[in-house]
């Protein structure tokens, strides 16, 4: 397998965690999202992924895009350890948390959005930070309230082992910390992420541990 990834990409981070949890080896192909106007926009890469996004997973003749879809693909091929619960209602819960992060919180702070705000609307760095923090706070406030009253929450978003929900949450918290957003108002989220980061797979997948990392 070959993973096209950028070390700071939240979506790539999710897939790296899944690969590490499954114990799967892969070739790491760095796609820098800023150099040269963004290597993901080059024609050679867009032949692979027309959206011009990361990650892309190449598995033999299969070209897979969209992080959550890739994770479920890996989970079906390599079911141990499982990243989704067995009961339909529990699977729906786990997927909904993952989608809440991936579809509601992450997109408005995606690199493409931030670049548009800066280059086309000429917002300042201060305004960019305010934008980022506002949408993190909106999303995390809702998620914190939900998780704090959810009986399925344990050491992880669902029980005692990580699922696709944790794979989505951890990268988003990493990004929030990168932008120095205080997380003291989100004790449940903070606890779940702290528990996840005790596992080797989550630490191995961390942006600072990738071959293209820029410390």
N, C-alpha and C. Protein backbone atom coordinates (compact mmCIF):
# COMPACT_ATOMS: atom_id res chain seq x y z
N UNK A 1 0.83 -1.19 0.00
CA UNK A 1 0.00 0.00 0.00
C UNK A 1 0.87 1.25 0.00
N UNK A 2 0.33 2.30 -0.58
CA UNK A 2 1.03 3.57 -0.66
C UNK A 2 0.07 4.67 -0.23
N UNK A 3 0.48 5.45 0.76
CA UNK A 3 -0.36 6.52 1.29
C UNK A 3 0.20 7.86 0.88
N UNK A 4 -0.59 8.62 0.15
CA UNK A 4 -0.24 10.00 -0.20
C UNK A 4 -0.76 10.86 0.94
N UNK A 5 0.17 11.54 1.60
CA UNK A 5 -0.16 12.19 2.87
C UNK A 5 0.60 13.49 3.02
N UNK A 6 0.08 14.35 3.85
CA UNK A 6 0.78 15.56 4.29
C UNK A 6 0.76 15.53 5.81
N UNK A 7 1.89 15.79 6.42
CA UNK A 7 2.02 15.55 7.86
C UNK A 7 1.00 16.31 8.70
N UNK A 8 0.62 17.51 8.27
CA UNK A 8 -0.32 18.30 9.07
C UNK A 8 -1.77 18.10 8.68
N UNK A 9 -2.03 17.32 7.67
CA UNK A 9 -3.41 17.09 7.22
C UNK A 9 -4.17 16.24 8.24
N UNK A 10 -5.28 16.78 8.74
CA UNK A 10 -6.10 16.03 9.69
C UNK A 10 -6.63 14.74 9.08
N UNK A 11 -7.07 14.83 7.83
CA UNK A 11 -7.64 13.66 7.18
C UNK A 11 -6.59 12.57 6.98
N UNK A 12 -5.37 12.97 6.61
CA UNK A 12 -4.28 12.00 6.47
C UNK A 12 -3.93 11.38 7.83
N UNK A 13 -3.94 12.20 8.85
CA UNK A 13 -3.65 11.76 10.22
C UNK A 13 -4.61 10.64 10.62
N UNK A 14 -5.89 10.79 10.29
CA UNK A 14 -6.88 9.76 10.63
C UNK A 14 -6.49 8.40 10.03
N UNK A 15 -6.12 8.44 8.75
CA UNK A 15 -5.77 7.19 8.06
C UNK A 15 -4.48 6.61 8.62
N UNK A 16 -3.51 7.46 8.94
CA UNK A 16 -2.26 6.96 9.52
C UNK A 16 -2.51 6.23 10.83
N UNK A 17 -3.43 6.75 11.63
CA UNK A 17 -3.77 6.06 12.89
C UNK A 17 -4.35 4.69 12.59
N UNK A 18 -5.26 4.62 11.64
CA UNK A 18 -5.89 3.34 11.28
C UNK A 18 -4.85 2.34 10.82
N UNK A 19 -3.95 2.76 9.95
CA UNK A 19 -2.91 1.86 9.47
C UNK A 19 -2.02 1.37 10.60
N UNK A 20 -1.71 2.26 11.53
CA UNK A 20 -0.88 1.88 12.67
C UNK A 20 -1.60 0.93 13.61
N UNK A 21 -2.88 1.18 13.87
CA UNK A 21 -3.65 0.29 14.73
C UNK A 21 -3.76 -1.11 14.13
N UNK A 22 -3.87 -1.17 12.81
CA UNK A 22 -3.98 -2.46 12.12
C UNK A 22 -2.63 -3.13 11.93
N UNK A 23 -1.55 -2.40 12.22
CA UNK A 23 -0.22 -2.97 12.05
C UNK A 23 0.16 -3.17 10.59
N UNK A 24 -0.34 -2.29 9.71
CA UNK A 24 -0.11 -2.44 8.28
C UNK A 24 1.07 -1.58 7.83
N UNK A 25 1.94 -2.17 7.05
CA UNK A 25 3.07 -1.41 6.50
C UNK A 25 2.64 -0.75 5.20
N UNK A 26 3.25 0.38 4.88
CA UNK A 26 2.89 1.11 3.67
C UNK A 26 4.01 2.07 3.31
N UNK A 27 4.01 2.46 2.05
CA UNK A 27 4.94 3.48 1.58
C UNK A 27 4.33 4.85 1.81
N UNK A 28 5.12 5.75 2.35
CA UNK A 28 4.65 7.10 2.63
C UNK A 28 5.07 8.01 1.49
N UNK A 29 4.10 8.60 0.79
CA UNK A 29 4.37 9.53 -0.30
C UNK A 29 3.93 10.92 0.14
N UNK A 30 4.88 11.79 0.38
CA UNK A 30 4.57 13.14 0.87
C UNK A 30 4.03 14.02 -0.24
N UNK A 31 2.93 14.69 0.06
CA UNK A 31 2.33 15.66 -0.86
C UNK A 31 2.24 16.98 -0.09
N UNK A 32 3.12 17.90 -0.40
CA UNK A 32 3.16 19.16 0.36
C UNK A 32 2.04 20.08 -0.12
N UNK A 33 1.21 20.49 0.80
CA UNK A 33 0.02 21.27 0.44
C UNK A 33 0.30 22.76 0.22
N UNK A 34 1.54 23.19 0.45
CA UNK A 34 1.86 24.61 0.31
C UNK A 34 2.96 24.88 -0.71
N UNK A 35 3.95 23.99 -0.81
CA UNK A 35 5.08 24.22 -1.70
C UNK A 35 4.62 24.26 -3.16
N UNK A 36 5.18 25.22 -3.90
CA UNK A 36 4.89 25.32 -5.32
C UNK A 36 3.42 25.57 -5.61
N UNK A 37 2.75 26.23 -4.68
CA UNK A 37 1.32 26.47 -4.85
C UNK A 37 0.46 25.30 -4.46
N UNK A 38 1.10 24.24 -3.94
CA UNK A 38 0.36 23.05 -3.49
C UNK A 38 0.57 21.88 -4.45
N UNK A 39 1.36 20.90 -4.00
CA UNK A 39 1.65 19.75 -4.86
C UNK A 39 0.40 18.93 -5.14
N UNK A 40 -0.60 19.04 -4.29
CA UNK A 40 -1.85 18.31 -4.51
C UNK A 40 -2.63 18.80 -5.72
N UNK A 41 -2.27 19.98 -6.21
CA UNK A 41 -2.96 20.56 -7.36
C UNK A 41 -2.24 20.28 -8.68
N UNK A 42 -1.08 19.66 -8.61
CA UNK A 42 -0.33 19.33 -9.82
C UNK A 42 -1.09 18.29 -10.63
N UNK A 43 -0.97 18.37 -11.95
CA UNK A 43 -1.73 17.47 -12.82
C UNK A 43 -1.42 16.01 -12.57
N UNK A 44 -0.17 15.70 -12.25
CA UNK A 44 0.20 14.30 -12.04
C UNK A 44 -0.51 13.72 -10.82
N UNK A 45 -0.70 14.56 -9.79
CA UNK A 45 -1.41 14.07 -8.60
C UNK A 45 -2.92 14.05 -8.85
N UNK A 46 -3.42 15.02 -9.58
CA UNK A 46 -4.87 15.08 -9.81
C UNK A 46 -5.35 13.97 -10.75
N UNK A 47 -4.44 13.37 -11.47
CA UNK A 47 -4.81 12.17 -12.22
C UNK A 47 -5.13 11.03 -11.25
N UNK A 48 -4.47 11.06 -10.10
CA UNK A 48 -4.69 10.06 -9.07
C UNK A 48 -5.91 10.40 -8.22
N UNK A 49 -5.99 11.67 -7.84
CA UNK A 49 -7.10 12.16 -7.02
C UNK A 49 -7.61 13.47 -7.62
N UNK A 50 -8.65 13.41 -8.43
CA UNK A 50 -9.15 14.60 -9.13
C UNK A 50 -9.54 15.75 -8.21
N UNK A 51 -9.87 15.44 -6.96
CA UNK A 51 -10.24 16.51 -6.02
C UNK A 51 -9.04 17.33 -5.59
N UNK A 52 -7.83 16.81 -5.80
CA UNK A 52 -6.64 17.54 -5.36
C UNK A 52 -6.58 17.64 -3.85
N UNK A 53 -6.87 16.53 -3.17
CA UNK A 53 -6.87 16.49 -1.71
C UNK A 53 -6.04 15.30 -1.22
N UNK A 54 -5.65 15.35 0.01
CA UNK A 54 -5.05 14.19 0.67
C UNK A 54 -5.98 13.79 1.82
N UNK A 55 -5.96 12.50 2.17
CA UNK A 55 -5.08 11.44 1.68
C UNK A 55 -5.64 10.74 0.45
N UNK A 56 -4.75 10.02 -0.21
CA UNK A 56 -5.13 9.03 -1.20
C UNK A 56 -4.40 7.75 -0.81
N UNK A 57 -5.10 6.64 -0.83
CA UNK A 57 -4.48 5.35 -0.54
C UNK A 57 -4.49 4.51 -1.80
N UNK A 58 -3.32 4.05 -2.21
CA UNK A 58 -3.18 3.17 -3.35
C UNK A 58 -2.95 1.76 -2.83
N UNK A 59 -3.86 0.88 -3.11
CA UNK A 59 -3.75 -0.51 -2.67
C UNK A 59 -3.88 -1.41 -3.89
N UNK A 60 -2.73 -1.76 -4.46
CA UNK A 60 -2.76 -2.52 -5.70
C UNK A 60 -3.40 -1.69 -6.80
N UNK A 61 -4.44 -2.22 -7.41
CA UNK A 61 -5.14 -1.50 -8.48
C UNK A 61 -6.21 -0.56 -7.95
N UNK A 62 -6.41 -0.54 -6.64
CA UNK A 62 -7.47 0.27 -6.04
C UNK A 62 -6.91 1.63 -5.61
N UNK A 63 -7.57 2.69 -6.03
CA UNK A 63 -7.22 4.05 -5.62
C UNK A 63 -8.37 4.55 -4.76
N UNK A 64 -8.07 4.83 -3.50
CA UNK A 64 -9.11 5.21 -2.54
C UNK A 64 -8.90 6.62 -2.04
N UNK A 65 -9.99 7.36 -1.93
CA UNK A 65 -9.95 8.73 -1.41
C UNK A 65 -10.98 8.88 -0.30
N UNK A 66 -10.92 10.01 0.38
CA UNK A 66 -11.78 10.34 1.52
C UNK A 66 -11.43 9.47 2.73
N UNK A 67 -10.93 10.13 3.76
CA UNK A 67 -10.33 9.44 4.90
C UNK A 67 -11.25 8.43 5.57
N UNK A 68 -12.51 8.80 5.82
CA UNK A 68 -13.40 7.87 6.53
C UNK A 68 -13.73 6.66 5.67
N UNK A 69 -13.84 6.87 4.38
CA UNK A 69 -14.07 5.75 3.48
C UNK A 69 -12.86 4.83 3.45
N UNK A 70 -11.67 5.40 3.44
CA UNK A 70 -10.44 4.60 3.47
C UNK A 70 -10.37 3.78 4.75
N UNK A 71 -10.71 4.41 5.87
CA UNK A 71 -10.65 3.71 7.16
C UNK A 71 -11.62 2.54 7.19
N UNK A 72 -12.82 2.73 6.67
CA UNK A 72 -13.78 1.63 6.66
C UNK A 72 -13.33 0.52 5.69
N UNK A 73 -12.71 0.89 4.62
CA UNK A 73 -12.14 -0.10 3.69
C UNK A 73 -11.10 -0.95 4.42
N UNK A 74 -10.19 -0.29 5.12
CA UNK A 74 -9.17 -1.02 5.87
C UNK A 74 -9.79 -1.91 6.95
N UNK A 75 -10.84 -1.39 7.59
CA UNK A 75 -11.49 -2.14 8.66
C UNK A 75 -12.17 -3.40 8.13
N UNK A 76 -12.70 -3.33 6.93
CA UNK A 76 -13.34 -4.50 6.35
C UNK A 76 -12.32 -5.53 5.89
N UNK A 77 -11.19 -5.06 5.37
CA UNK A 77 -10.16 -5.99 4.92
C UNK A 77 -9.38 -6.59 6.08
N UNK A 78 -9.14 -5.77 7.10
CA UNK A 78 -8.32 -6.18 8.25
C UNK A 78 -9.13 -5.89 9.51
N UNK A 79 -10.03 -6.79 9.89
CA UNK A 79 -11.00 -6.50 10.95
C UNK A 79 -10.47 -6.53 12.38
N UNK A 80 -9.20 -6.81 12.55
CA UNK A 80 -8.65 -6.87 13.90
C UNK A 80 -7.51 -5.85 14.05
N UNK A 81 -7.63 -4.91 14.99
CA UNK A 81 -8.77 -4.66 15.88
C UNK A 81 -9.88 -3.91 15.14
N UNK A 82 -11.13 -4.16 15.53
CA UNK A 82 -12.24 -3.49 14.84
C UNK A 82 -12.30 -2.00 15.19
N UNK A 83 -12.65 -1.21 14.20
CA UNK A 83 -12.78 0.24 14.40
C UNK A 83 -14.23 0.69 14.40
N UNK A 84 -15.14 -0.28 14.27
CA UNK A 84 -16.57 -0.02 14.37
C UNK A 84 -17.20 -1.09 15.26
N UNK A 85 -18.15 -0.72 16.10
CA UNK A 85 -18.84 -1.71 16.94
C UNK A 85 -19.67 -2.68 16.09
N UNK A 86 -20.10 -3.77 16.71
CA UNK A 86 -20.86 -4.78 15.98
C UNK A 86 -22.35 -4.45 15.87
N UNK A 87 -22.92 -3.79 16.88
CA UNK A 87 -24.36 -3.50 16.87
C UNK A 87 -24.65 -2.30 15.98
N UNK A 88 -25.70 -2.37 15.18
CA UNK A 88 -26.03 -1.27 14.25
C UNK A 88 -26.17 0.09 14.92
N UNK A 89 -26.85 0.14 16.08
CA UNK A 89 -27.05 1.44 16.74
C UNK A 89 -25.73 2.00 17.23
N UNK A 90 -24.85 1.12 17.71
CA UNK A 90 -23.55 1.58 18.19
C UNK A 90 -22.67 2.02 17.02
N UNK A 91 -22.76 1.32 15.90
CA UNK A 91 -22.02 1.74 14.71
C UNK A 91 -22.49 3.12 14.25
N UNK A 92 -23.80 3.31 14.29
CA UNK A 92 -24.35 4.61 13.88
C UNK A 92 -23.85 5.72 14.79
N UNK A 93 -23.78 5.45 16.09
CA UNK A 93 -23.30 6.44 17.05
C UNK A 93 -21.84 6.81 16.76
N UNK A 94 -21.02 5.79 16.58
CA UNK A 94 -19.59 6.03 16.33
C UNK A 94 -19.39 6.78 15.02
N UNK A 95 -20.11 6.36 13.99
CA UNK A 95 -20.01 7.06 12.71
C UNK A 95 -20.48 8.52 12.84
N UNK A 96 -21.51 8.75 13.61
CA UNK A 96 -22.04 10.11 13.73
C UNK A 96 -21.05 11.04 14.40
N UNK A 97 -20.30 10.53 15.40
CA UNK A 97 -19.27 11.35 16.03
C UNK A 97 -18.14 11.65 15.04
N UNK A 98 -17.73 10.61 14.30
CA UNK A 98 -16.69 10.80 13.30
C UNK A 98 -17.13 11.82 12.25
N UNK A 99 -18.38 11.72 11.81
CA UNK A 99 -18.89 12.64 10.80
C UNK A 99 -19.10 14.04 11.36
N UNK A 100 -19.43 14.13 12.64
CA UNK A 100 -19.57 15.45 13.26
C UNK A 100 -18.26 16.22 13.18
N UNK A 101 -17.15 15.50 13.41
CA UNK A 101 -15.84 16.13 13.29
C UNK A 101 -15.50 16.39 11.82
N UNK A 102 -15.65 15.35 11.00
CA UNK A 102 -15.18 15.43 9.62
C UNK A 102 -16.03 16.32 8.73
N UNK A 103 -17.32 16.44 9.04
CA UNK A 103 -18.23 17.20 8.17
C UNK A 103 -18.68 18.53 8.74
N UNK A 104 -18.67 18.66 10.06
CA UNK A 104 -19.19 19.89 10.68
C UNK A 104 -18.08 20.79 11.23
N UNK A 105 -17.04 20.20 11.79
CA UNK A 105 -15.99 20.99 12.43
C UNK A 105 -14.82 21.25 11.49
N UNK A 106 -14.33 20.20 10.87
CA UNK A 106 -13.12 20.30 10.07
C UNK A 106 -13.25 21.16 8.80
N UNK A 107 -14.32 21.02 8.01
CA UNK A 107 -14.35 21.70 6.70
C UNK A 107 -14.20 23.22 6.75
N UNK A 108 -14.81 23.87 7.73
CA UNK A 108 -14.75 25.34 7.75
C UNK A 108 -13.36 25.85 8.11
N UNK A 109 -12.52 24.98 8.66
CA UNK A 109 -11.15 25.37 8.99
C UNK A 109 -10.13 24.65 8.11
N UNK A 110 -10.60 24.06 7.03
CA UNK A 110 -9.74 23.38 6.09
C UNK A 110 -8.79 24.37 5.44
N UNK A 111 -7.63 23.87 5.01
CA UNK A 111 -6.62 24.74 4.41
C UNK A 111 -7.18 25.54 3.24
N UNK A 112 -8.02 24.92 2.41
CA UNK A 112 -8.57 25.63 1.25
C UNK A 112 -9.41 26.82 1.68
N UNK A 113 -10.17 26.64 2.74
CA UNK A 113 -11.00 27.74 3.24
C UNK A 113 -10.14 28.86 3.81
N UNK A 114 -9.14 28.48 4.61
CA UNK A 114 -8.26 29.48 5.21
C UNK A 114 -7.51 30.26 4.13
N UNK A 115 -7.03 29.54 3.11
CA UNK A 115 -6.31 30.23 2.02
C UNK A 115 -7.22 31.19 1.27
N UNK A 116 -8.47 30.79 1.07
CA UNK A 116 -9.42 31.67 0.39
C UNK A 116 -9.66 32.93 1.22
N UNK A 117 -9.83 32.75 2.52
CA UNK A 117 -10.06 33.89 3.39
C UNK A 117 -8.88 34.87 3.35
N UNK A 118 -7.67 34.33 3.31
CA UNK A 118 -6.49 35.19 3.33
C UNK A 118 -6.21 35.82 1.97
N UNK A 119 -6.26 35.00 0.91
CA UNK A 119 -5.83 35.48 -0.40
C UNK A 119 -6.91 36.26 -1.13
N UNK A 120 -8.16 35.81 -1.01
CA UNK A 120 -9.23 36.45 -1.76
C UNK A 120 -9.97 37.51 -0.95
N UNK A 121 -10.11 37.27 0.34
CA UNK A 121 -10.84 38.23 1.18
C UNK A 121 -9.92 39.09 2.04
N UNK A 122 -8.62 38.79 1.96
CA UNK A 122 -7.57 39.61 2.59
C UNK A 122 -7.76 39.78 4.09
N UNK A 123 -8.16 38.72 4.77
CA UNK A 123 -8.26 38.83 6.22
C UNK A 123 -6.87 38.78 6.84
N UNK A 124 -6.73 39.36 8.01
CA UNK A 124 -5.45 39.39 8.70
C UNK A 124 -5.19 38.07 9.41
N UNK A 125 -3.96 37.88 9.88
CA UNK A 125 -3.64 36.68 10.65
C UNK A 125 -4.47 36.63 11.93
N UNK A 126 -4.71 37.79 12.51
CA UNK A 126 -5.53 37.83 13.72
C UNK A 126 -6.96 37.40 13.42
N UNK A 127 -7.51 37.86 12.32
CA UNK A 127 -8.86 37.46 11.94
C UNK A 127 -8.92 35.98 11.59
N UNK A 128 -7.87 35.48 10.97
CA UNK A 128 -7.81 34.05 10.65
C UNK A 128 -7.87 33.23 11.93
N UNK A 129 -7.10 33.64 12.94
CA UNK A 129 -7.10 32.92 14.21
C UNK A 129 -8.46 33.01 14.89
N UNK A 130 -9.10 34.17 14.80
CA UNK A 130 -10.43 34.32 15.38
C UNK A 130 -11.43 33.40 14.68
N UNK A 131 -11.34 33.33 13.37
CA UNK A 131 -12.22 32.44 12.58
C UNK A 131 -12.02 30.99 13.03
N UNK A 132 -10.76 30.59 13.10
CA UNK A 132 -10.45 29.19 13.45
C UNK A 132 -10.99 28.86 14.84
N UNK A 133 -10.69 29.73 15.80
CA UNK A 133 -11.14 29.46 17.16
C UNK A 133 -12.65 29.46 17.27
N UNK A 134 -13.33 30.37 16.57
CA UNK A 134 -14.79 30.42 16.64
C UNK A 134 -15.40 29.09 16.24
N UNK A 135 -14.96 28.53 15.12
CA UNK A 135 -15.59 27.31 14.62
C UNK A 135 -15.16 26.07 15.41
N UNK A 136 -13.96 26.11 15.96
CA UNK A 136 -13.57 25.02 16.87
C UNK A 136 -14.45 25.06 18.11
N UNK A 137 -14.64 26.24 18.66
CA UNK A 137 -15.46 26.37 19.87
C UNK A 137 -16.91 25.97 19.61
N UNK A 138 -17.45 26.36 18.48
CA UNK A 138 -18.82 25.97 18.13
C UNK A 138 -18.93 24.45 18.06
N UNK A 139 -18.01 23.83 17.35
CA UNK A 139 -18.06 22.38 17.18
C UNK A 139 -17.76 21.61 18.44
N UNK A 140 -16.73 22.02 19.17
CA UNK A 140 -16.34 21.31 20.38
C UNK A 140 -17.38 21.49 21.49
N UNK A 141 -18.01 22.65 21.56
CA UNK A 141 -19.04 22.86 22.59
C UNK A 141 -20.18 21.87 22.41
N UNK A 142 -20.62 21.71 21.18
CA UNK A 142 -21.69 20.77 20.88
C UNK A 142 -21.27 19.34 21.15
N UNK A 143 -20.06 18.99 20.71
CA UNK A 143 -19.57 17.62 20.89
C UNK A 143 -19.33 17.31 22.36
N UNK A 144 -18.79 18.27 23.11
CA UNK A 144 -18.55 18.06 24.53
C UNK A 144 -19.85 17.78 25.27
N UNK A 145 -20.89 18.56 24.96
CA UNK A 145 -22.19 18.35 25.59
C UNK A 145 -22.73 16.97 25.28
N UNK A 146 -22.57 16.57 24.04
CA UNK A 146 -23.06 15.26 23.64
C UNK A 146 -22.32 14.13 24.35
N UNK A 147 -21.00 14.19 24.35
CA UNK A 147 -20.20 13.12 24.93
C UNK A 147 -20.35 13.05 26.45
N UNK A 148 -20.56 14.19 27.08
CA UNK A 148 -20.66 14.22 28.54
C UNK A 148 -21.92 13.53 29.06
N UNK A 149 -22.92 13.36 28.19
CA UNK A 149 -24.15 12.70 28.61
C UNK A 149 -24.37 11.36 27.92
N UNK A 150 -23.37 10.89 27.19
CA UNK A 150 -23.49 9.66 26.42
C UNK A 150 -23.02 8.46 27.22
N UNK A 151 -23.90 7.49 27.47
CA UNK A 151 -23.56 6.35 28.32
C UNK A 151 -22.54 5.41 27.67
N UNK A 152 -22.35 5.52 26.34
CA UNK A 152 -21.40 4.63 25.68
C UNK A 152 -19.96 5.12 25.78
N UNK A 153 -19.77 6.34 26.25
CA UNK A 153 -18.41 6.86 26.41
C UNK A 153 -17.73 6.15 27.56
N UNK A 154 -16.50 5.70 27.32
CA UNK A 154 -15.68 5.08 28.36
C UNK A 154 -14.31 5.71 28.35
N UNK A 155 -13.28 4.89 28.23
CA UNK A 155 -11.94 5.44 28.06
C UNK A 155 -11.80 6.08 26.69
N UNK A 156 -12.65 5.66 25.77
CA UNK A 156 -12.66 6.19 24.42
C UNK A 156 -14.09 6.64 24.09
N UNK A 157 -14.28 7.15 22.89
CA UNK A 157 -15.60 7.64 22.51
C UNK A 157 -16.65 6.55 22.64
N UNK A 158 -16.22 5.31 22.37
CA UNK A 158 -17.10 4.16 22.55
C UNK A 158 -16.35 3.11 23.36
N UNK A 159 -16.68 3.01 24.63
CA UNK A 159 -16.16 1.94 25.46
C UNK A 159 -14.67 2.00 25.73
N UNK A 160 -14.03 0.83 25.65
CA UNK A 160 -12.65 0.69 26.12
C UNK A 160 -11.63 0.54 25.00
N UNK A 161 -12.03 0.77 23.76
CA UNK A 161 -11.09 0.65 22.65
C UNK A 161 -11.38 1.74 21.61
N UNK A 162 -10.36 2.18 20.88
CA UNK A 162 -10.58 3.25 19.91
C UNK A 162 -11.41 2.79 18.72
N UNK A 163 -12.18 3.72 18.20
CA UNK A 163 -12.98 3.49 17.00
C UNK A 163 -12.70 4.61 16.01
N UNK A 164 -13.41 4.57 14.91
CA UNK A 164 -13.27 5.60 13.89
C UNK A 164 -13.57 6.99 14.45
N UNK A 165 -14.35 7.04 15.52
CA UNK A 165 -14.65 8.33 16.16
C UNK A 165 -13.40 8.94 16.79
N UNK A 166 -12.62 8.13 17.49
CA UNK A 166 -11.39 8.62 18.10
C UNK A 166 -10.36 9.01 17.04
N UNK A 167 -10.36 8.26 15.93
CA UNK A 167 -9.45 8.55 14.83
C UNK A 167 -9.76 9.90 14.20
N UNK A 168 -10.99 10.35 14.33
CA UNK A 168 -11.39 11.66 13.82
C UNK A 168 -11.14 12.76 14.85
N UNK A 169 -11.40 12.45 16.11
CA UNK A 169 -11.30 13.46 17.16
C UNK A 169 -9.87 13.88 17.45
N UNK A 170 -8.97 12.92 17.54
CA UNK A 170 -7.58 13.22 17.92
C UNK A 170 -6.92 14.23 16.97
N UNK A 171 -6.99 14.05 15.66
CA UNK A 171 -6.37 15.05 14.77
C UNK A 171 -6.97 16.44 14.90
N UNK A 172 -8.29 16.51 15.16
CA UNK A 172 -8.91 17.83 15.29
C UNK A 172 -8.43 18.55 16.54
N UNK A 173 -8.22 17.79 17.61
CA UNK A 173 -7.68 18.39 18.83
C UNK A 173 -6.23 18.80 18.63
N UNK A 174 -5.48 17.99 17.90
CA UNK A 174 -4.08 18.36 17.61
C UNK A 174 -4.04 19.70 16.89
N UNK A 175 -4.94 19.90 15.92
CA UNK A 175 -5.00 21.16 15.20
C UNK A 175 -5.38 22.32 16.12
N UNK A 176 -6.33 22.08 17.00
CA UNK A 176 -6.74 23.13 17.92
C UNK A 176 -5.56 23.56 18.80
N UNK A 177 -4.80 22.60 19.26
CA UNK A 177 -3.64 22.92 20.09
C UNK A 177 -2.57 23.65 19.28
N UNK A 178 -2.43 23.28 18.03
CA UNK A 178 -1.46 23.95 17.17
C UNK A 178 -1.80 25.44 17.05
N UNK A 179 -3.08 25.76 17.03
CA UNK A 179 -3.51 27.15 16.96
C UNK A 179 -3.69 27.77 18.34
N UNK A 180 -3.21 27.05 19.36
CA UNK A 180 -3.19 27.54 20.75
C UNK A 180 -4.59 27.90 21.25
N UNK A 181 -5.55 27.05 20.91
CA UNK A 181 -6.92 27.24 21.37
C UNK A 181 -7.08 26.54 22.72
N UNK A 182 -7.48 27.26 23.76
CA UNK A 182 -7.65 26.64 25.09
C UNK A 182 -8.71 25.54 25.06
N UNK A 183 -8.39 24.42 25.69
CA UNK A 183 -9.31 23.29 25.69
C UNK A 183 -9.84 22.96 27.07
N UNK A 184 -9.61 23.85 28.03
CA UNK A 184 -10.04 23.57 29.40
C UNK A 184 -11.55 23.50 29.54
N UNK A 185 -12.27 24.07 28.56
CA UNK A 185 -13.74 24.01 28.60
C UNK A 185 -14.29 22.69 28.07
N UNK A 186 -13.38 21.83 27.63
CA UNK A 186 -13.80 20.56 27.04
C UNK A 186 -13.11 19.39 27.74
N UNK A 187 -13.46 19.16 29.01
CA UNK A 187 -12.76 18.13 29.79
C UNK A 187 -12.96 16.71 29.26
N UNK A 188 -14.15 16.40 28.75
CA UNK A 188 -14.39 15.05 28.24
C UNK A 188 -13.57 14.82 26.97
N UNK A 189 -13.63 15.76 26.06
CA UNK A 189 -12.83 15.65 24.84
C UNK A 189 -11.35 15.52 25.17
N UNK A 190 -10.88 16.35 26.10
CA UNK A 190 -9.47 16.32 26.48
C UNK A 190 -9.08 14.98 27.09
N UNK A 191 -9.95 14.43 27.92
CA UNK A 191 -9.66 13.13 28.55
C UNK A 191 -9.59 12.02 27.52
N UNK A 192 -10.53 12.01 26.60
CA UNK A 192 -10.56 10.96 25.57
C UNK A 192 -9.31 11.01 24.69
N UNK A 193 -8.90 12.20 24.33
CA UNK A 193 -7.71 12.35 23.49
C UNK A 193 -6.46 11.96 24.27
N UNK A 194 -6.40 12.33 25.54
CA UNK A 194 -5.26 11.94 26.37
C UNK A 194 -5.15 10.41 26.46
N UNK A 195 -6.29 9.75 26.61
CA UNK A 195 -6.28 8.28 26.66
C UNK A 195 -5.79 7.69 25.34
N UNK A 196 -6.27 8.23 24.26
CA UNK A 196 -5.86 7.74 22.93
C UNK A 196 -4.36 7.90 22.72
N UNK A 197 -3.82 9.01 23.19
CA UNK A 197 -2.40 9.28 22.96
C UNK A 197 -1.48 8.41 23.82
N UNK A 198 -2.06 7.60 24.68
CA UNK A 198 -1.26 6.62 25.41
C UNK A 198 -0.91 5.42 24.54
N UNK A 199 -1.62 5.27 23.43
CA UNK A 199 -1.41 4.13 22.54
C UNK A 199 -0.33 4.46 21.51
N UNK A 200 0.53 3.47 21.26
CA UNK A 200 1.62 3.68 20.32
C UNK A 200 1.13 4.12 18.94
N UNK A 201 0.03 3.53 18.48
CA UNK A 201 -0.46 3.82 17.13
C UNK A 201 -0.79 5.30 16.96
N UNK A 202 -1.39 5.90 17.97
CA UNK A 202 -1.74 7.32 17.89
C UNK A 202 -0.49 8.19 17.91
N UNK A 203 0.49 7.79 18.70
CA UNK A 203 1.73 8.57 18.76
C UNK A 203 2.53 8.43 17.46
N UNK A 204 2.57 7.22 16.91
CA UNK A 204 3.30 7.01 15.66
C UNK A 204 2.72 7.84 14.52
N UNK A 205 1.40 8.01 14.54
CA UNK A 205 0.72 8.72 13.46
C UNK A 205 0.76 10.24 13.62
N UNK A 206 1.24 10.72 14.76
CA UNK A 206 1.25 12.16 15.04
C UNK A 206 2.05 12.91 13.97
N UNK A 207 1.61 14.10 13.60
CA UNK A 207 2.30 14.86 12.54
C UNK A 207 3.80 15.02 12.74
N UNK A 208 4.23 15.27 13.97
CA UNK A 208 5.65 15.50 14.21
C UNK A 208 6.50 14.25 14.00
N UNK A 209 5.86 13.10 13.88
CA UNK A 209 6.60 11.85 13.69
C UNK A 209 6.59 11.37 12.24
N UNK A 210 6.15 12.22 11.31
CA UNK A 210 6.10 11.82 9.91
C UNK A 210 7.36 12.24 9.16
N UNK A 211 7.70 11.51 8.09
CA UNK A 211 8.94 11.82 7.38
C UNK A 211 8.99 13.20 6.75
N UNK A 212 7.84 13.80 6.47
CA UNK A 212 7.82 15.13 5.88
C UNK A 212 7.56 16.23 6.91
N UNK A 213 7.65 15.87 8.19
CA UNK A 213 7.37 16.84 9.24
C UNK A 213 8.35 18.02 9.20
N UNK A 214 7.82 19.19 9.47
CA UNK A 214 8.64 20.41 9.55
C UNK A 214 8.55 20.91 10.97
N UNK A 215 9.53 20.60 11.77
CA UNK A 215 9.50 20.94 13.19
C UNK A 215 9.66 22.45 13.39
